[in-house]
Structure formats: C-alpha cells, structure tokens
Amino acid sequence: MLTPESILKSTFGYDTFKPLQREIIANVQARRDTLVIMPTGGGKSLTYQVPALLFDGLTVVVSPLIALMKDQVEQLRALGVSAVFLNSSLSPEEYQENMDSIKSGQSKLLYVAPETLLTPRIYSLLSSLKLDLLAIDEAHCISEWGHDFRPEYRQLVDVRKKFPSAVCMALTATATPRVRSDIMSSLGFLQ
C-alpha cells in the first residue's frame, strides 16, 4: 500500500520529510483545506505532489508563472510522474496532447495559470473528471492586501464551488496575518 513515506522514497528519493511537510500532507489526506506558508526552498511543492500520487483523481496546480510550471513538470517527468501543463507556450498540437492525457486519466497533475483554469474549455474538461486536489501556488496573489495581487486569483473561489469535493491548498512563501486571513476568507476556508 502506498504511503506518503513510500512515495517520498520511491519517487522523490528522500528518506525523511522536512519540518511540517508530513503534517501538511496528513491534513490534505484528511481532506482538510490547508494554508501552507513555507519559505522558498522549504519543500512546498512536495506537500501537494505526494498527495497527488496518493489520490485516485487529478490534482490541479494553479501557478502564475509559465517558467515555474515548465520546470516542475519537467522535474516530475524525469522522476517518472505523469504531469502536464496547459499554457500559451504550447503549440496547438502539444496543447491537445496534454488535454488528451488529462481526459484519459494518464496524467496525475495538471499545472495551469488561473486565467487558463477559468476558461470554459478547461471547466468542461475538468467537469468530466474526478478532481481530488486544487493546489494554489503563490496564493498571496489572491489577497488584495498582498504585494502581487492578481484579480483572476480572486475568481478561484468559483472553481472551488464547481468542485466541492476537491480539497484545496493555498501555498505561499510569505504572507502577513492580514493576507493569510484574506486568502482563507477568499477561498472559503474554515477559520
């Protein structure tokens, strides 16, 4: 049987979790919405990548940066994890291949920008699938009090409403108490 520890070792090659990673993963496994604040390099991505491999359905990772999506997907593929991204850097053929990979259930992780996630085409695709986890990276972009506010991030609550059975994670490296509260309130987390 797969466990977070077995995935950490067999897929990612680590023997132990960094501080707080295991507790965050346990929270997500228990399907509790989770706000994750960890410094850059603290291992935030493992806290949604490990559950993605434990859950049956799809994990959607919202990221504002095309380069970051590309890097993460390439790293995951190098480890044998089926992950794709959908963004403007893809040719129409590559975009369709990635859509097909998601439709068929072949891919476990989908990386998208909020603008892409909010399109009718992607809503339609996701509504035919089991969405287990919605991970929102750079979540400080949700907060109007944050240093990098993006209005599209505010609309992610609509995605939550369309997929109420998916657990949600909001991840960021820095957030003041006011920004934390705004993120949780905007996404409908119980406080």
N, C-alpha and C. Protein backbone atom coordinates (compact mmCIF):
# COMPACT_ATOMS: atom_id res chain seq x y z
N MET A 1 0.83 -1.19 0.00
CA MET A 1 0.00 0.00 0.00
C MET A 1 0.88 1.26 0.00
N LEU A 2 0.47 2.23 -0.80
CA LEU A 2 1.24 3.47 -0.88
C LEU A 2 1.02 4.32 0.37
N THR A 3 2.12 4.89 0.85
CA THR A 3 2.07 5.82 1.98
C THR A 3 2.86 7.06 1.56
N PRO A 4 2.68 8.17 2.26
CA PRO A 4 3.50 9.34 1.94
C PRO A 4 5.00 9.02 2.01
N GLU A 5 5.38 8.23 3.00
CA GLU A 5 6.80 7.88 3.15
C GLU A 5 7.31 7.03 1.99
N SER A 6 6.49 6.08 1.53
CA SER A 6 6.94 5.23 0.43
C SER A 6 7.06 6.03 -0.87
N ILE A 7 6.14 6.97 -1.09
CA ILE A 7 6.22 7.83 -2.28
C ILE A 7 7.42 8.76 -2.19
N LEU A 8 7.64 9.31 -0.99
CA LEU A 8 8.78 10.20 -0.79
C LEU A 8 10.08 9.49 -1.18
N LYS A 9 10.21 8.22 -0.78
CA LYS A 9 11.43 7.46 -1.05
C LYS A 9 11.48 6.97 -2.49
N SER A 10 10.42 6.28 -2.94
CA SER A 10 10.48 5.63 -4.26
C SER A 10 10.42 6.62 -5.42
N THR A 11 9.65 7.71 -5.27
CA THR A 11 9.51 8.66 -6.38
C THR A 11 10.51 9.80 -6.29
N PHE A 12 10.66 10.36 -5.09
CA PHE A 12 11.47 11.57 -4.96
C PHE A 12 12.87 11.31 -4.42
N GLY A 13 13.10 10.10 -3.89
CA GLY A 13 14.44 9.73 -3.46
C GLY A 13 14.88 10.27 -2.12
N TYR A 14 13.94 10.76 -1.31
CA TYR A 14 14.27 11.28 0.03
C TYR A 14 13.88 10.27 1.10
N ASP A 15 14.66 10.25 2.18
CA ASP A 15 14.39 9.34 3.29
C ASP A 15 13.42 9.93 4.30
N THR A 16 13.49 11.24 4.49
CA THR A 16 12.64 11.87 5.50
C THR A 16 12.06 13.18 4.97
N PHE A 17 10.92 13.55 5.55
CA PHE A 17 10.29 14.81 5.21
C PHE A 17 11.00 15.95 5.92
N LYS A 18 10.92 17.14 5.33
CA LYS A 18 11.39 18.36 6.00
C LYS A 18 10.33 18.74 7.06
N PRO A 19 10.71 19.62 8.00
CA PRO A 19 9.74 20.02 9.02
C PRO A 19 8.42 20.50 8.41
N LEU A 20 7.34 20.03 9.00
CA LEU A 20 5.95 20.36 8.67
C LEU A 20 5.39 19.70 7.40
N GLN A 21 6.24 19.18 6.52
CA GLN A 21 5.71 18.56 5.29
C GLN A 21 4.75 17.41 5.61
N ARG A 22 5.13 16.53 6.52
CA ARG A 22 4.30 15.36 6.83
C ARG A 22 2.96 15.77 7.42
N GLU A 23 2.98 16.78 8.31
CA GLU A 23 1.73 17.24 8.92
C GLU A 23 0.80 17.86 7.87
N ILE A 24 1.38 18.62 6.95
CA ILE A 24 0.58 19.24 5.88
C ILE A 24 -0.05 18.15 5.00
N ILE A 25 0.75 17.16 4.63
CA ILE A 25 0.26 16.06 3.79
C ILE A 25 -0.86 15.31 4.51
N ALA A 26 -0.70 15.06 5.81
CA ALA A 26 -1.74 14.37 6.58
C ALA A 26 -3.03 15.18 6.58
N ASN A 27 -2.91 16.48 6.69
CA ASN A 27 -4.08 17.37 6.67
C ASN A 27 -4.80 17.26 5.32
N VAL A 28 -4.03 17.27 4.24
CA VAL A 28 -4.61 17.18 2.89
C VAL A 28 -5.24 15.80 2.68
N GLN A 29 -4.56 14.75 3.14
CA GLN A 29 -5.12 13.39 3.03
C GLN A 29 -6.45 13.28 3.75
N ALA A 30 -6.59 14.02 4.85
CA ALA A 30 -7.83 14.01 5.63
C ALA A 30 -8.87 14.94 4.99
N ARG A 31 -8.52 15.51 3.85
CA ARG A 31 -9.40 16.38 3.06
C ARG A 31 -9.79 17.65 3.82
N ARG A 32 -8.79 18.19 4.52
CA ARG A 32 -8.97 19.48 5.19
C ARG A 32 -8.27 20.56 4.37
N ASP A 33 -9.01 21.61 4.01
CA ASP A 33 -8.40 22.74 3.31
C ASP A 33 -7.24 23.27 4.14
N THR A 34 -6.15 23.63 3.45
CA THR A 34 -4.91 23.92 4.16
C THR A 34 -4.20 25.13 3.57
N LEU A 35 -3.83 26.06 4.43
CA LEU A 35 -2.99 27.19 4.04
C LEU A 35 -1.56 26.84 4.44
N VAL A 36 -0.65 26.86 3.46
CA VAL A 36 0.74 26.48 3.69
C VAL A 36 1.63 27.70 3.48
N ILE A 37 2.33 28.08 4.53
CA ILE A 37 3.30 29.17 4.42
C ILE A 37 4.66 28.60 4.77
N MET A 38 5.48 28.47 3.74
CA MET A 38 6.83 27.93 3.91
C MET A 38 7.78 28.76 3.08
N PRO A 39 8.99 28.94 3.55
CA PRO A 39 9.95 29.74 2.77
C PRO A 39 10.28 29.07 1.44
N THR A 40 10.72 29.85 0.50
CA THR A 40 11.19 29.33 -0.79
C THR A 40 12.29 28.31 -0.49
N GLY A 41 12.18 27.14 -1.12
CA GLY A 41 13.15 26.07 -0.86
C GLY A 41 12.77 25.21 0.33
N GLY A 42 11.64 25.51 0.97
CA GLY A 42 11.21 24.76 2.15
C GLY A 42 10.48 23.46 1.82
N GLY A 43 10.19 23.24 0.55
CA GLY A 43 9.55 21.99 0.14
C GLY A 43 8.04 22.06 0.00
N LYS A 44 7.52 23.23 -0.37
CA LYS A 44 6.07 23.38 -0.54
C LYS A 44 5.52 22.43 -1.61
N SER A 45 6.22 22.32 -2.73
CA SER A 45 5.65 21.52 -3.83
C SER A 45 5.46 20.05 -3.46
N LEU A 46 6.32 19.50 -2.62
CA LEU A 46 6.13 18.10 -2.20
C LEU A 46 4.83 17.92 -1.43
N THR A 47 4.35 18.99 -0.77
CA THR A 47 3.14 18.86 0.04
C THR A 47 1.89 18.69 -0.80
N TYR A 48 1.94 19.01 -2.10
CA TYR A 48 0.81 18.65 -2.98
C TYR A 48 1.17 17.56 -3.96
N GLN A 49 2.46 17.40 -4.28
CA GLN A 49 2.84 16.34 -5.21
C GLN A 49 2.67 14.95 -4.60
N VAL A 50 3.02 14.79 -3.32
CA VAL A 50 2.85 13.49 -2.66
C VAL A 50 1.37 13.11 -2.58
N PRO A 51 0.48 14.00 -2.08
CA PRO A 51 -0.95 13.65 -2.08
C PRO A 51 -1.49 13.37 -3.49
N ALA A 52 -0.99 14.10 -4.49
CA ALA A 52 -1.44 13.86 -5.87
C ALA A 52 -1.22 12.42 -6.28
N LEU A 53 -0.12 11.84 -5.80
CA LEU A 53 0.19 10.45 -6.15
C LEU A 53 -0.56 9.45 -5.27
N LEU A 54 -1.09 9.92 -4.15
CA LEU A 54 -1.89 9.06 -3.27
C LEU A 54 -3.37 9.05 -3.68
N PHE A 55 -3.86 10.19 -4.17
CA PHE A 55 -5.27 10.30 -4.56
C PHE A 55 -5.52 9.60 -5.89
N ASP A 56 -6.75 9.14 -6.09
CA ASP A 56 -7.13 8.48 -7.34
C ASP A 56 -7.26 9.47 -8.49
N GLY A 57 -7.82 10.63 -8.19
CA GLY A 57 -8.16 11.58 -9.25
C GLY A 57 -7.03 12.53 -9.59
N LEU A 58 -7.42 13.63 -10.21
CA LEU A 58 -6.48 14.63 -10.72
C LEU A 58 -6.18 15.69 -9.66
N THR A 59 -4.95 16.17 -9.68
CA THR A 59 -4.55 17.33 -8.90
C THR A 59 -4.29 18.47 -9.86
N VAL A 60 -4.95 19.60 -9.62
CA VAL A 60 -4.72 20.80 -10.42
C VAL A 60 -3.88 21.76 -9.60
N VAL A 61 -2.77 22.20 -10.19
CA VAL A 61 -1.88 23.14 -9.54
C VAL A 61 -1.98 24.47 -10.27
N VAL A 62 -2.43 25.49 -9.57
CA VAL A 62 -2.55 26.83 -10.15
C VAL A 62 -1.25 27.58 -9.87
N SER A 63 -0.63 28.06 -10.95
CA SER A 63 0.63 28.77 -10.83
C SER A 63 0.62 29.97 -11.78
N PRO A 64 1.14 31.10 -11.34
CA PRO A 64 1.09 32.28 -12.21
C PRO A 64 2.24 32.34 -13.22
N LEU A 65 3.22 31.49 -13.09
CA LEU A 65 4.43 31.62 -13.90
C LEU A 65 4.64 30.43 -14.83
N ILE A 66 4.69 30.72 -16.13
CA ILE A 66 4.89 29.67 -17.13
C ILE A 66 6.21 28.93 -16.90
N ALA A 67 7.27 29.66 -16.62
CA ALA A 67 8.58 29.04 -16.41
C ALA A 67 8.56 28.07 -15.24
N LEU A 68 7.87 28.45 -14.16
CA LEU A 68 7.77 27.59 -12.98
C LEU A 68 7.00 26.31 -13.30
N MET A 69 5.90 26.45 -14.03
CA MET A 69 5.12 25.27 -14.44
C MET A 69 5.99 24.30 -15.23
N LYS A 70 6.68 24.87 -16.20
CA LYS A 70 7.51 24.07 -17.09
C LYS A 70 8.59 23.31 -16.30
N ASP A 71 9.26 24.03 -15.39
CA ASP A 71 10.31 23.42 -14.57
C ASP A 71 9.75 22.28 -13.73
N GLN A 72 8.63 22.53 -13.07
CA GLN A 72 8.06 21.49 -12.19
C GLN A 72 7.63 20.27 -12.99
N VAL A 73 6.99 20.49 -14.12
CA VAL A 73 6.54 19.36 -14.94
C VAL A 73 7.73 18.56 -15.46
N GLU A 74 8.77 19.25 -15.90
CA GLU A 74 9.97 18.55 -16.39
C GLU A 74 10.61 17.74 -15.27
N GLN A 75 10.68 18.30 -14.07
CA GLN A 75 11.26 17.58 -12.93
C GLN A 75 10.42 16.34 -12.59
N LEU A 76 9.11 16.50 -12.59
CA LEU A 76 8.23 15.37 -12.27
C LEU A 76 8.35 14.27 -13.33
N ARG A 77 8.37 14.65 -14.59
CA ARG A 77 8.50 13.66 -15.67
C ARG A 77 9.83 12.92 -15.57
N ALA A 78 10.89 13.63 -15.19
CA ALA A 78 12.19 13.00 -15.02
C ALA A 78 12.15 11.94 -13.92
N LEU A 79 11.22 12.12 -12.96
CA LEU A 79 11.05 11.16 -11.85
C LEU A 79 10.03 10.08 -12.18
N GLY A 80 9.47 10.13 -13.40
CA GLY A 80 8.50 9.12 -13.81
C GLY A 80 7.06 9.44 -13.45
N VAL A 81 6.78 10.69 -13.06
CA VAL A 81 5.43 11.11 -12.70
C VAL A 81 4.78 11.75 -13.92
N SER A 82 3.56 11.32 -14.22
CA SER A 82 2.85 11.86 -15.37
C SER A 82 2.21 13.19 -14.99
N ALA A 83 2.81 14.28 -15.48
CA ALA A 83 2.32 15.63 -15.21
C ALA A 83 2.36 16.42 -16.51
N VAL A 84 1.40 17.34 -16.66
CA VAL A 84 1.35 18.20 -17.84
C VAL A 84 1.00 19.62 -17.43
N PHE A 85 1.23 20.55 -18.35
CA PHE A 85 0.77 21.91 -18.15
C PHE A 85 0.01 22.35 -19.38
N LEU A 86 -0.85 23.32 -19.20
CA LEU A 86 -1.59 23.93 -20.30
C LEU A 86 -1.35 25.43 -20.21
N ASN A 87 -0.64 25.96 -21.22
CA ASN A 87 -0.44 27.41 -21.28
C ASN A 87 -0.06 27.81 -22.70
N SER A 88 0.16 29.09 -22.87
CA SER A 88 0.38 29.65 -24.21
C SER A 88 1.73 29.28 -24.82
N SER A 89 2.61 28.65 -24.06
CA SER A 89 3.91 28.26 -24.63
C SER A 89 3.81 27.00 -25.48
N LEU A 90 2.66 26.32 -25.43
CA LEU A 90 2.49 25.06 -26.18
C LEU A 90 1.94 25.33 -27.58
N SER A 91 2.36 24.49 -28.52
CA SER A 91 1.75 24.54 -29.85
C SER A 91 0.33 23.97 -29.73
N PRO A 92 -0.55 24.24 -30.69
CA PRO A 92 -1.90 23.66 -30.64
C PRO A 92 -1.88 22.13 -30.52
N GLU A 93 -0.93 21.49 -31.18
CA GLU A 93 -0.83 20.03 -31.13
C GLU A 93 -0.43 19.56 -29.73
N GLU A 94 0.56 20.22 -29.14
CA GLU A 94 1.00 19.86 -27.78
C GLU A 94 -0.12 20.11 -26.77
N TYR A 95 -0.82 21.20 -26.94
CA TYR A 95 -1.94 21.54 -26.05
C TYR A 95 -2.98 20.42 -26.09
N GLN A 96 -3.33 19.98 -27.30
CA GLN A 96 -4.32 18.91 -27.45
C GLN A 96 -3.82 17.60 -26.87
N GLU A 97 -2.54 17.29 -27.06
CA GLU A 97 -1.95 16.08 -26.48
C GLU A 97 -2.08 16.10 -24.95
N ASN A 98 -1.79 17.26 -24.37
CA ASN A 98 -1.89 17.38 -22.91
C ASN A 98 -3.34 17.27 -22.45
N MET A 99 -4.27 17.87 -23.21
CA MET A 99 -5.70 17.74 -22.88
C MET A 99 -6.11 16.26 -22.91
N ASP A 100 -5.66 15.54 -23.95
CA ASP A 100 -5.99 14.12 -24.09
C ASP A 100 -5.41 13.30 -22.94
N SER A 101 -4.20 13.65 -22.51
CA SER A 101 -3.55 12.95 -21.41
C SER A 101 -4.35 13.12 -20.11
N ILE A 102 -4.92 14.29 -19.94
CA ILE A 102 -5.74 14.55 -18.75
C ILE A 102 -7.06 13.80 -18.86
N LYS A 103 -7.71 13.90 -20.03
CA LYS A 103 -9.00 13.22 -20.26
C LYS A 103 -8.91 11.72 -20.01
N SER A 104 -7.81 11.12 -20.46
CA SER A 104 -7.66 9.67 -20.35
C SER A 104 -7.30 9.22 -18.94
N GLY A 105 -6.99 10.18 -18.06
CA GLY A 105 -6.60 9.82 -16.70
C GLY A 105 -5.14 9.46 -16.59
N GLN A 106 -4.41 9.63 -17.67
CA GLN A 106 -2.99 9.28 -17.69
C GLN A 106 -2.17 10.22 -16.81
N SER A 107 -2.52 11.50 -16.80
CA SER A 107 -1.77 12.48 -16.01
C SER A 107 -2.38 12.65 -14.62
N LYS A 108 -1.52 12.71 -13.62
CA LYS A 108 -1.96 12.87 -12.24
C LYS A 108 -1.96 14.34 -11.80
N LEU A 109 -1.12 15.15 -12.46
CA LEU A 109 -1.02 16.56 -12.11
C LEU A 109 -1.17 17.43 -13.35
N LEU A 110 -1.96 18.49 -13.20
CA LEU A 110 -2.15 19.47 -14.26
C LEU A 110 -1.77 20.84 -13.70
N TYR A 111 -0.82 21.49 -14.35
CA TYR A 111 -0.41 22.83 -13.97
C TYR A 111 -1.04 23.83 -14.93
N VAL A 112 -1.70 24.85 -14.37
CA VAL A 112 -2.35 25.88 -15.18
C VAL A 112 -2.26 27.24 -14.49
N ALA A 113 -2.32 28.30 -15.29
CA ALA A 113 -2.45 29.65 -14.75
C ALA A 113 -3.92 29.86 -14.40
N PRO A 114 -4.22 30.77 -13.49
CA PRO A 114 -5.62 30.99 -13.13
C PRO A 114 -6.47 31.37 -14.34
N GLU A 115 -5.91 32.18 -15.23
CA GLU A 115 -6.65 32.61 -16.42
C GLU A 115 -7.07 31.40 -17.27
N THR A 116 -6.18 30.42 -17.39
CA THR A 116 -6.48 29.21 -18.16
C THR A 116 -7.54 28.37 -17.45
N LEU A 117 -7.37 28.22 -16.15
CA LEU A 117 -8.29 27.40 -15.37
C LEU A 117 -9.72 27.94 -15.45
N LEU A 118 -9.87 29.23 -15.57
CA LEU A 118 -11.19 29.85 -15.57
C LEU A 118 -11.89 29.84 -16.94
N THR A 119 -11.25 29.26 -17.96
CA THR A 119 -11.87 29.24 -19.29
C THR A 119 -12.92 28.13 -19.38
N PRO A 120 -13.96 28.33 -20.19
CA PRO A 120 -14.99 27.30 -20.36
C PRO A 120 -14.41 25.96 -20.84
N ARG A 121 -13.40 26.01 -21.69
CA ARG A 121 -12.79 24.78 -22.22
C ARG A 121 -12.22 23.91 -21.10
N ILE A 122 -11.53 24.54 -20.17
CA ILE A 122 -10.91 23.79 -19.07
C ILE A 122 -11.97 23.36 -18.05
N TYR A 123 -12.93 24.24 -17.76
CA TYR A 123 -14.05 23.85 -16.89
C TYR A 123 -14.73 22.60 -17.43
N SER A 124 -14.98 22.60 -18.73
CA SER A 124 -15.64 21.47 -19.36
C SER A 124 -14.80 20.19 -19.21
N LEU A 125 -13.51 20.32 -19.46
CA LEU A 125 -12.61 19.18 -19.32
C LEU A 125 -12.65 18.63 -17.89
N LEU A 126 -12.51 19.51 -16.91
CA LEU A 126 -12.43 19.08 -15.52
C LEU A 126 -13.75 18.52 -15.00
N SER A 127 -14.86 19.02 -15.52
CA SER A 127 -16.16 18.55 -15.02
C SER A 127 -16.42 17.09 -15.39
N SER A 128 -15.65 16.56 -16.34
CA SER A 128 -15.81 15.15 -16.71
C SER A 128 -14.85 14.25 -15.93
N LEU A 129 -14.08 14.84 -15.02
CA LEU A 129 -13.06 14.09 -14.30
C LEU A 129 -13.28 14.16 -12.80
N LYS A 130 -12.54 13.31 -12.08
CA LYS A 130 -12.54 13.38 -10.62
C LYS A 130 -11.39 14.29 -10.21
N LEU A 131 -11.74 15.46 -9.69
CA LEU A 131 -10.74 16.40 -9.21
C LEU A 131 -10.60 16.22 -7.70
N ASP A 132 -9.44 15.73 -7.27
CA ASP A 132 -9.23 15.46 -5.84
C ASP A 132 -8.59 16.61 -5.09
N LEU A 133 -7.70 17.35 -5.77
CA LEU A 133 -6.92 18.37 -5.07
C LEU A 133 -6.73 19.58 -5.96
N LEU A 134 -7.00 20.74 -5.39
CA LEU A 134 -6.73 22.02 -6.04
C LEU A 134 -5.66 22.71 -5.21
N ALA A 135 -4.46 22.82 -5.79
CA ALA A 135 -3.34 23.45 -5.09
C ALA A 135 -3.07 24.81 -5.73
N ILE A 136 -3.16 25.86 -4.94
CA ILE A 136 -2.99 27.21 -5.46
C ILE A 136 -1.65 27.74 -4.97
N ASP A 137 -0.69 27.75 -5.89
CA ASP A 137 0.65 28.21 -5.56
C ASP A 137 0.69 29.74 -5.67
N GLU A 138 1.64 30.35 -4.97
CA GLU A 138 1.74 31.81 -4.95
C GLU A 138 0.40 32.42 -4.51
N ALA A 139 -0.19 31.83 -3.48
CA ALA A 139 -1.55 32.20 -3.05
C ALA A 139 -1.66 33.64 -2.55
N HIS A 140 -0.54 34.28 -2.25
CA HIS A 140 -0.62 35.69 -1.85
C HIS A 140 -1.23 36.54 -2.96
N CYS A 141 -1.20 36.04 -4.21
CA CYS A 141 -1.79 36.76 -5.35
C CYS A 141 -3.31 36.91 -5.19
N ILE A 142 -3.91 36.10 -4.32
CA ILE A 142 -5.35 36.18 -4.08
C ILE A 142 -5.71 37.44 -3.32
N SER A 143 -4.83 37.84 -2.43
CA SER A 143 -5.17 38.90 -1.48
C SER A 143 -4.97 40.30 -2.06
N GLU A 144 -6.01 41.09 -1.91
CA GLU A 144 -5.88 42.48 -2.34
C GLU A 144 -4.90 43.23 -1.45
N TRP A 145 -4.55 42.62 -0.31
CA TRP A 145 -3.56 43.23 0.58
C TRP A 145 -2.15 42.72 0.26
N GLY A 146 -2.05 41.76 -0.66
CA GLY A 146 -0.75 41.17 -1.00
C GLY A 146 0.04 42.07 -1.93
N HIS A 147 1.33 41.77 -2.06
CA HIS A 147 2.20 42.62 -2.87
C HIS A 147 2.09 42.31 -4.36
N ASP A 148 1.37 41.26 -4.70
CA ASP A 148 1.34 40.81 -6.10
C ASP A 148 -0.08 40.42 -6.49
N PHE A 149 -1.06 41.23 -6.12
CA PHE A 149 -2.47 40.91 -6.33
C PHE A 149 -2.78 40.71 -7.81
N ARG A 150 -3.50 39.61 -8.10
CA ARG A 150 -3.98 39.34 -9.47
C ARG A 150 -5.47 39.03 -9.39
N PRO A 151 -6.29 39.85 -10.03
CA PRO A 151 -7.75 39.69 -9.91
C PRO A 151 -8.25 38.29 -10.27
N GLU A 152 -7.60 37.61 -11.23
CA GLU A 152 -8.04 36.26 -11.62
C GLU A 152 -7.95 35.29 -10.45
N TYR A 153 -6.99 35.50 -9.57
CA TYR A 153 -6.85 34.64 -8.40
C TYR A 153 -8.09 34.72 -7.51
N ARG A 154 -8.71 35.90 -7.45
CA ARG A 154 -9.91 36.08 -6.64
C ARG A 154 -11.05 35.20 -7.15
N GLN A 155 -11.04 34.90 -8.46
CA GLN A 155 -12.12 34.12 -9.06
C GLN A 155 -11.96 32.61 -8.82
N LEU A 156 -10.87 32.20 -8.20
CA LEU A 156 -10.65 30.77 -7.96
C LEU A 156 -11.68 30.18 -7.01
N VAL A 157 -12.34 31.02 -6.24
CA VAL A 157 -13.41 30.52 -5.38
C VAL A 157 -14.51 29.88 -6.23
N ASP A 158 -14.71 30.37 -7.46
CA ASP A 158 -15.70 29.77 -8.37
C ASP A 158 -15.32 28.32 -8.71
N VAL A 159 -14.04 28.07 -8.86
CA VAL A 159 -13.56 26.71 -9.14
C VAL A 159 -13.87 25.83 -7.93
N ARG A 160 -13.64 26.36 -6.75
CA ARG A 160 -13.96 25.60 -5.53
C ARG A 160 -15.43 25.23 -5.48
N LYS A 161 -16.28 26.17 -5.85
CA LYS A 161 -17.72 25.91 -5.81
C LYS A 161 -18.13 24.85 -6.83
N LYS A 162 -17.46 24.84 -7.98
CA LYS A 162 -17.80 23.84 -9.02
C LYS A 162 -17.31 22.45 -8.65
N PHE A 163 -16.28 22.38 -7.82
CA PHE A 163 -15.69 21.08 -7.45
C PHE A 163 -15.62 20.99 -5.92
N PRO A 164 -16.79 20.92 -5.27
CA PRO A 164 -16.81 20.98 -3.81
C PRO A 164 -16.15 19.79 -3.12
N SER A 165 -15.99 18.67 -3.80
CA SER A 165 -15.37 17.52 -3.14
C SER A 165 -13.84 17.56 -3.19
N ALA A 166 -13.28 18.48 -3.97
CA ALA A 166 -11.82 18.59 -4.03
C ALA A 166 -11.31 19.35 -2.81
N VAL A 167 -10.26 18.82 -2.19
CA VAL A 167 -9.62 19.54 -1.09
C VAL A 167 -8.77 20.65 -1.71
N CYS A 168 -8.64 21.75 -0.99
CA CYS A 168 -7.91 22.91 -1.51
C CYS A 168 -6.72 23.24 -0.63
N MET A 169 -5.61 23.54 -1.29
CA MET A 169 -4.41 24.02 -0.61
C MET A 169 -4.06 25.37 -1.19
N ALA A 170 -3.67 26.30 -0.33
CA ALA A 170 -3.15 27.59 -0.77
C ALA A 170 -1.73 27.68 -0.24
N LEU A 171 -0.77 27.91 -1.13
CA LEU A 171 0.64 27.89 -0.73
C LEU A 171 1.32 29.20 -1.09
N THR A 172 2.14 29.69 -0.17
CA THR A 172 2.91 30.90 -0.42
C THR A 172 4.14 30.92 0.49
N ALA A 173 5.13 31.68 0.08
CA ALA A 173 6.35 31.78 0.89
C ALA A 173 6.20 32.83 1.98
N THR A 174 5.42 33.87 1.72
CA THR A 174 5.27 34.94 2.71
C THR A 174 3.84 35.45 2.71
N ALA A 175 3.35 35.75 3.89
CA ALA A 175 2.02 36.35 4.00
C ALA A 175 1.86 36.94 5.39
N THR A 176 1.51 38.21 5.44
CA THR A 176 1.22 38.86 6.73
C THR A 176 -0.06 38.24 7.30
N PRO A 177 -0.33 38.43 8.59
CA PRO A 177 -1.59 37.92 9.14
C PRO A 177 -2.82 38.40 8.36
N ARG A 178 -2.80 39.65 7.92
CA ARG A 178 -3.93 40.19 7.16
C ARG A 178 -4.09 39.45 5.82
N VAL A 179 -2.98 39.18 5.13
CA VAL A 179 -3.01 38.46 3.86
C VAL A 179 -3.47 37.02 4.08
N ARG A 180 -2.98 36.37 5.12
CA ARG A 180 -3.40 35.00 5.45
C ARG A 180 -4.91 34.93 5.63
N SER A 181 -5.43 35.85 6.41
CA SER A 181 -6.86 35.88 6.67
C SER A 181 -7.65 36.11 5.38
N ASP A 182 -7.15 37.00 4.53
CA ASP A 182 -7.82 37.31 3.27
C ASP A 182 -7.80 36.09 2.33
N ILE A 183 -6.68 35.37 2.27
CA ILE A 183 -6.59 34.17 1.45
C ILE A 183 -7.64 33.15 1.90
N MET A 184 -7.67 32.89 3.21
CA MET A 184 -8.59 31.87 3.74
C MET A 184 -10.04 32.29 3.54
N SER A 185 -10.32 33.55 3.74
CA SER A 185 -11.69 34.05 3.57
C SER A 185 -12.10 34.00 2.08
N SER A 186 -11.20 34.40 1.20
CA SER A 186 -11.48 34.41 -0.24
C SER A 186 -11.77 33.01 -0.77
N LEU A 187 -11.07 32.01 -0.23
CA LEU A 187 -11.24 30.63 -0.71
C LEU A 187 -12.28 29.85 0.08
N GLY A 188 -12.85 30.49 1.09
CA GLY A 188 -13.90 29.81 1.87
C GLY A 188 -13.37 28.76 2.82
N PHE A 189 -12.11 28.93 3.28
CA PHE A 189 -11.55 28.01 4.27
C PHE A 189 -12.23 28.30 5.61
N LEU A 190 -12.46 27.25 6.38
CA LEU A 190 -12.97 27.44 7.75
C LEU A 190 -11.83 27.99 8.60
N GLN A 191 -12.13 29.03 9.36
CA GLN A 191 -11.05 29.64 10.17
C GLN A 191 -11.28 29.39 11.64
